[in-house]
Amino acid sequence: MSENKNNQLQIELSQEVAQGEYANFAIITHSSSDFIIDFARVLPGVPKAQVKSRVILAPEHAKRLLGALQENIVRYEREFGPIKIPQQEPRTIAPFPVGKGEA
């Protein structure tokens, strides 16, 4: 990463990272100084979810991320319609019921 003459941040995205990782489950924990988000993939019939990526954020950046996600969801729904979420246990993003996880 580098800054150009106009103070615009240049972002480098390697081919490997550009492929991304599919995750359908996230576990969020925090301490007084950090928020930790583990993104995992949960599959039906598989008893263990594998964490694919861990992101560690300062509280200020976690709040910025929350705002950016809210803004982008509003834009998405304006263009494509409401995102429907089936009834599920609160604070769970997995697309189907899961048991307790272990890290």
N, C-alpha and C. Protein backbone atom coordinates (compact mmCIF):
# COMPACT_ATOMS: atom_id res chain seq x y z
N MET A 1 0.83 -1.17 0.00
CA MET A 1 0.00 0.00 0.00
C MET A 1 0.88 1.25 0.00
N SER A 2 0.47 2.23 -0.77
CA SER A 2 1.19 3.49 -0.80
C SER A 2 0.22 4.62 -1.08
N GLU A 3 0.63 5.84 -0.78
CA GLU A 3 -0.22 7.00 -1.05
C GLU A 3 0.33 7.72 -2.27
N ASN A 4 -0.57 8.14 -3.19
CA ASN A 4 -0.11 8.89 -4.34
C ASN A 4 -0.10 10.37 -4.02
N LYS A 5 0.22 11.23 -5.01
CA LYS A 5 0.37 12.66 -4.79
C LYS A 5 -0.92 13.35 -4.36
N ASN A 6 -2.08 12.81 -4.68
CA ASN A 6 -3.36 13.41 -4.34
C ASN A 6 -3.88 12.94 -2.98
N ASN A 7 -3.04 12.31 -2.17
CA ASN A 7 -3.42 11.77 -0.87
C ASN A 7 -4.52 10.72 -0.98
N GLN A 8 -4.57 10.01 -2.08
CA GLN A 8 -5.51 8.90 -2.22
C GLN A 8 -4.75 7.61 -1.94
N LEU A 9 -5.34 6.77 -1.13
CA LEU A 9 -4.72 5.52 -0.75
C LEU A 9 -4.80 4.52 -1.89
N GLN A 10 -3.70 3.93 -2.24
CA GLN A 10 -3.66 2.89 -3.25
C GLN A 10 -3.72 1.55 -2.54
N ILE A 11 -4.63 0.67 -2.97
CA ILE A 11 -4.81 -0.64 -2.35
C ILE A 11 -4.31 -1.70 -3.32
N GLU A 12 -3.48 -2.61 -2.81
CA GLU A 12 -3.00 -3.72 -3.63
C GLU A 12 -3.77 -4.98 -3.25
N LEU A 13 -4.29 -5.68 -4.23
CA LEU A 13 -5.06 -6.90 -4.01
C LEU A 13 -4.41 -8.02 -4.81
N SER A 14 -3.76 -8.95 -4.09
CA SER A 14 -3.10 -10.05 -4.78
C SER A 14 -4.15 -11.00 -5.37
N GLN A 15 -3.76 -11.77 -6.36
CA GLN A 15 -4.69 -12.72 -6.99
C GLN A 15 -5.21 -13.72 -5.97
N GLU A 16 -4.35 -14.17 -5.08
CA GLU A 16 -4.76 -15.16 -4.07
C GLU A 16 -5.85 -14.60 -3.16
N VAL A 17 -5.66 -13.38 -2.67
CA VAL A 17 -6.64 -12.76 -1.78
C VAL A 17 -7.90 -12.39 -2.56
N ALA A 18 -7.76 -12.01 -3.81
CA ALA A 18 -8.92 -11.61 -4.63
C ALA A 18 -9.90 -12.76 -4.82
N GLN A 19 -9.45 -13.99 -4.70
CA GLN A 19 -10.34 -15.15 -4.83
C GLN A 19 -11.34 -15.20 -3.68
N GLY A 20 -10.97 -14.66 -2.53
CA GLY A 20 -11.87 -14.63 -1.38
C GLY A 20 -12.05 -15.99 -0.73
N GLU A 21 -12.73 -15.98 0.38
CA GLU A 21 -13.10 -17.20 1.11
C GLU A 21 -14.58 -17.12 1.39
N TYR A 22 -15.31 -18.19 1.14
CA TYR A 22 -16.74 -18.23 1.45
C TYR A 22 -16.91 -18.52 2.93
N ALA A 23 -17.72 -17.70 3.60
CA ALA A 23 -18.04 -17.92 5.01
C ALA A 23 -19.52 -17.68 5.20
N ASN A 24 -20.16 -18.56 5.96
CA ASN A 24 -21.59 -18.39 6.24
C ASN A 24 -21.86 -18.36 7.75
N PHE A 25 -20.80 -18.09 8.51
CA PHE A 25 -20.92 -18.04 9.97
C PHE A 25 -19.83 -17.12 10.49
N ALA A 26 -20.17 -16.28 11.44
CA ALA A 26 -19.17 -15.39 12.04
C ALA A 26 -19.33 -15.41 13.55
N ILE A 27 -18.21 -15.38 14.23
CA ILE A 27 -18.18 -15.31 15.68
C ILE A 27 -17.44 -14.02 16.03
N ILE A 28 -18.09 -13.17 16.82
CA ILE A 28 -17.49 -11.89 17.17
C ILE A 28 -17.24 -11.85 18.68
N THR A 29 -16.02 -11.55 19.06
CA THR A 29 -15.66 -11.39 20.46
C THR A 29 -14.91 -10.07 20.59
N HIS A 30 -14.76 -9.60 21.82
CA HIS A 30 -14.04 -8.35 22.02
C HIS A 30 -13.38 -8.30 23.39
N SER A 31 -12.38 -7.45 23.46
CA SER A 31 -11.74 -7.10 24.72
C SER A 31 -11.84 -5.58 24.83
N SER A 32 -11.18 -5.00 25.80
CA SER A 32 -11.23 -3.55 25.94
C SER A 32 -10.52 -2.84 24.80
N SER A 33 -9.64 -3.55 24.08
CA SER A 33 -8.86 -2.89 23.04
C SER A 33 -9.09 -3.43 21.63
N ASP A 34 -9.76 -4.56 21.47
CA ASP A 34 -9.91 -5.16 20.15
C ASP A 34 -11.26 -5.82 19.95
N PHE A 35 -11.72 -5.86 18.70
CA PHE A 35 -12.83 -6.70 18.28
C PHE A 35 -12.22 -7.77 17.38
N ILE A 36 -12.63 -9.02 17.58
CA ILE A 36 -12.11 -10.13 16.78
C ILE A 36 -13.30 -10.78 16.08
N ILE A 37 -13.20 -10.88 14.76
CA ILE A 37 -14.26 -11.51 13.98
C ILE A 37 -13.65 -12.73 13.30
N ASP A 38 -14.16 -13.91 13.65
CA ASP A 38 -13.76 -15.15 12.99
C ASP A 38 -14.84 -15.51 11.98
N PHE A 39 -14.44 -15.64 10.73
CA PHE A 39 -15.36 -16.04 9.67
C PHE A 39 -15.14 -17.52 9.40
N ALA A 40 -16.24 -18.30 9.44
CA ALA A 40 -16.14 -19.75 9.29
C ALA A 40 -17.11 -20.24 8.23
N ARG A 41 -16.90 -21.46 7.84
CA ARG A 41 -17.79 -22.14 6.91
C ARG A 41 -18.42 -23.31 7.63
N VAL A 42 -19.77 -23.28 7.73
CA VAL A 42 -20.53 -24.35 8.37
C VAL A 42 -21.25 -25.10 7.27
N LEU A 43 -21.11 -26.42 7.27
CA LEU A 43 -21.77 -27.25 6.27
C LEU A 43 -22.70 -28.25 6.94
N PRO A 44 -23.86 -28.50 6.35
CA PRO A 44 -24.78 -29.47 6.94
C PRO A 44 -24.13 -30.84 7.08
N GLY A 45 -24.34 -31.47 8.22
CA GLY A 45 -23.80 -32.81 8.46
C GLY A 45 -22.34 -32.83 8.87
N VAL A 46 -21.68 -31.69 8.90
CA VAL A 46 -20.28 -31.63 9.31
C VAL A 46 -20.26 -31.03 10.71
N PRO A 47 -19.77 -31.78 11.71
CA PRO A 47 -19.88 -31.33 13.10
C PRO A 47 -18.96 -30.17 13.48
N LYS A 48 -17.95 -29.89 12.67
CA LYS A 48 -16.98 -28.85 13.02
C LYS A 48 -16.95 -27.77 11.94
N ALA A 49 -17.04 -26.51 12.36
CA ALA A 49 -16.91 -25.40 11.42
C ALA A 49 -15.43 -25.01 11.37
N GLN A 50 -14.94 -24.77 10.18
CA GLN A 50 -13.54 -24.38 10.03
C GLN A 50 -13.44 -22.88 9.85
N VAL A 51 -12.67 -22.22 10.73
CA VAL A 51 -12.46 -20.78 10.59
C VAL A 51 -11.59 -20.57 9.36
N LYS A 52 -12.06 -19.70 8.47
CA LYS A 52 -11.36 -19.42 7.22
C LYS A 52 -10.56 -18.13 7.29
N SER A 53 -11.00 -17.21 8.17
CA SER A 53 -10.31 -15.94 8.26
C SER A 53 -10.60 -15.30 9.62
N ARG A 54 -9.62 -14.63 10.16
CA ARG A 54 -9.79 -13.89 11.41
C ARG A 54 -9.38 -12.45 11.15
N VAL A 55 -10.26 -11.52 11.55
CA VAL A 55 -9.97 -10.10 11.40
C VAL A 55 -9.99 -9.48 12.79
N ILE A 56 -8.94 -8.75 13.11
CA ILE A 56 -8.82 -8.09 14.41
C ILE A 56 -8.87 -6.58 14.16
N LEU A 57 -9.81 -5.92 14.86
CA LEU A 57 -10.04 -4.49 14.64
C LEU A 57 -9.97 -3.72 15.94
N ALA A 58 -9.49 -2.50 15.88
CA ALA A 58 -9.62 -1.58 17.01
C ALA A 58 -11.10 -1.21 17.12
N PRO A 59 -11.58 -0.87 18.32
CA PRO A 59 -13.00 -0.54 18.48
C PRO A 59 -13.49 0.54 17.51
N GLU A 60 -12.66 1.55 17.26
CA GLU A 60 -13.05 2.62 16.33
C GLU A 60 -13.27 2.07 14.92
N HIS A 61 -12.42 1.15 14.49
CA HIS A 61 -12.56 0.57 13.16
C HIS A 61 -13.75 -0.38 13.09
N ALA A 62 -14.04 -1.07 14.20
CA ALA A 62 -15.23 -1.93 14.24
C ALA A 62 -16.49 -1.09 14.06
N LYS A 63 -16.52 0.06 14.70
CA LYS A 63 -17.69 0.94 14.56
C LYS A 63 -17.79 1.50 13.14
N ARG A 64 -16.66 1.82 12.54
CA ARG A 64 -16.66 2.27 11.14
C ARG A 64 -17.15 1.16 10.21
N LEU A 65 -16.72 -0.07 10.48
CA LEU A 65 -17.17 -1.21 9.68
C LEU A 65 -18.68 -1.38 9.80
N LEU A 66 -19.20 -1.27 11.01
CA LEU A 66 -20.65 -1.36 11.22
C LEU A 66 -21.38 -0.32 10.38
N GLY A 67 -20.91 0.91 10.40
CA GLY A 67 -21.54 1.97 9.62
C GLY A 67 -21.45 1.71 8.13
N ALA A 68 -20.31 1.24 7.67
CA ALA A 68 -20.13 0.94 6.24
C ALA A 68 -21.04 -0.20 5.80
N LEU A 69 -21.19 -1.24 6.64
CA LEU A 69 -22.09 -2.34 6.31
C LEU A 69 -23.54 -1.86 6.26
N GLN A 70 -23.94 -1.04 7.23
CA GLN A 70 -25.31 -0.51 7.24
C GLN A 70 -25.57 0.30 5.97
N GLU A 71 -24.65 1.16 5.61
CA GLU A 71 -24.80 1.99 4.42
C GLU A 71 -24.91 1.14 3.15
N ASN A 72 -24.08 0.11 3.06
CA ASN A 72 -24.10 -0.74 1.87
C ASN A 72 -25.33 -1.62 1.81
N ILE A 73 -25.84 -2.06 2.95
CA ILE A 73 -27.09 -2.84 2.95
C ILE A 73 -28.25 -1.97 2.48
N VAL A 74 -28.29 -0.72 2.93
CA VAL A 74 -29.34 0.20 2.47
C VAL A 74 -29.26 0.35 0.95
N ARG A 75 -28.07 0.55 0.42
CA ARG A 75 -27.89 0.70 -1.04
C ARG A 75 -28.31 -0.57 -1.78
N TYR A 76 -27.89 -1.73 -1.24
CA TYR A 76 -28.24 -3.01 -1.86
C TYR A 76 -29.75 -3.17 -1.92
N GLU A 77 -30.43 -2.94 -0.79
CA GLU A 77 -31.88 -3.14 -0.73
C GLU A 77 -32.62 -2.12 -1.61
N ARG A 78 -32.08 -0.95 -1.75
CA ARG A 78 -32.68 0.04 -2.64
C ARG A 78 -32.63 -0.46 -4.10
N GLU A 79 -31.55 -1.11 -4.45
CA GLU A 79 -31.37 -1.59 -5.83
C GLU A 79 -32.02 -2.95 -6.09
N PHE A 80 -31.92 -3.87 -5.14
CA PHE A 80 -32.35 -5.25 -5.36
C PHE A 80 -33.56 -5.69 -4.54
N GLY A 81 -34.02 -4.87 -3.63
CA GLY A 81 -35.14 -5.25 -2.77
C GLY A 81 -34.66 -5.73 -1.42
N PRO A 82 -35.60 -5.91 -0.49
CA PRO A 82 -35.24 -6.30 0.88
C PRO A 82 -34.53 -7.65 0.95
N ILE A 83 -33.59 -7.72 1.84
CA ILE A 83 -32.91 -8.99 2.14
C ILE A 83 -33.77 -9.70 3.16
N LYS A 84 -34.22 -10.88 2.82
CA LYS A 84 -35.09 -11.64 3.73
C LYS A 84 -34.25 -12.63 4.52
N ILE A 85 -34.46 -12.63 5.82
CA ILE A 85 -33.76 -13.56 6.70
C ILE A 85 -34.81 -14.45 7.35
N PRO A 86 -34.71 -15.78 7.17
CA PRO A 86 -35.67 -16.68 7.82
C PRO A 86 -35.55 -16.58 9.33
N GLN A 87 -36.65 -16.93 10.03
CA GLN A 87 -36.63 -16.94 11.49
C GLN A 87 -35.48 -17.81 11.96
N GLN A 88 -34.69 -17.26 12.85
CA GLN A 88 -33.56 -18.01 13.41
C GLN A 88 -33.21 -17.43 14.76
N GLU A 89 -32.34 -18.13 15.44
CA GLU A 89 -31.88 -17.70 16.75
C GLU A 89 -31.20 -16.34 16.63
N PRO A 90 -31.46 -15.41 17.54
CA PRO A 90 -30.81 -14.09 17.47
C PRO A 90 -29.29 -14.20 17.47
N ARG A 91 -28.65 -13.28 16.82
CA ARG A 91 -27.19 -13.14 16.77
C ARG A 91 -26.50 -14.32 16.11
N THR A 92 -27.18 -14.99 15.20
CA THR A 92 -26.57 -16.08 14.45
C THR A 92 -26.67 -15.75 12.98
N ILE A 93 -25.57 -15.92 12.25
CA ILE A 93 -25.65 -15.66 10.82
C ILE A 93 -25.58 -16.93 9.99
N ALA A 94 -25.46 -18.08 10.63
CA ALA A 94 -25.41 -19.33 9.89
C ALA A 94 -26.75 -19.57 9.20
N PRO A 95 -26.75 -20.11 7.99
CA PRO A 95 -28.00 -20.30 7.26
C PRO A 95 -28.83 -21.48 7.74
N PHE A 96 -28.35 -22.23 8.72
CA PHE A 96 -29.09 -23.36 9.27
C PHE A 96 -28.66 -23.52 10.72
N PRO A 97 -29.44 -24.24 11.53
CA PRO A 97 -29.09 -24.36 12.96
C PRO A 97 -27.74 -25.03 13.17
N VAL A 98 -26.99 -24.50 14.13
CA VAL A 98 -25.68 -25.08 14.47
C VAL A 98 -25.59 -25.23 15.96
N GLY A 99 -24.78 -26.18 16.38
CA GLY A 99 -24.55 -26.37 17.82
C GLY A 99 -23.49 -25.42 18.32
N LYS A 100 -23.02 -25.64 19.53
CA LYS A 100 -21.97 -24.79 20.09
C LYS A 100 -20.67 -25.04 19.35
N GLY A 101 -19.94 -23.97 19.08
CA GLY A 101 -18.67 -24.09 18.39
C GLY A 101 -17.51 -24.14 19.36
N GLU A 102 -16.40 -24.61 18.87
CA GLU A 102 -15.18 -24.64 19.66
C GLU A 102 -14.08 -24.01 18.84
N ALA A 103 -13.25 -23.21 19.46
CA ALA A 103 -12.15 -22.56 18.74
C ALA A 103 -10.84 -23.22 19.11
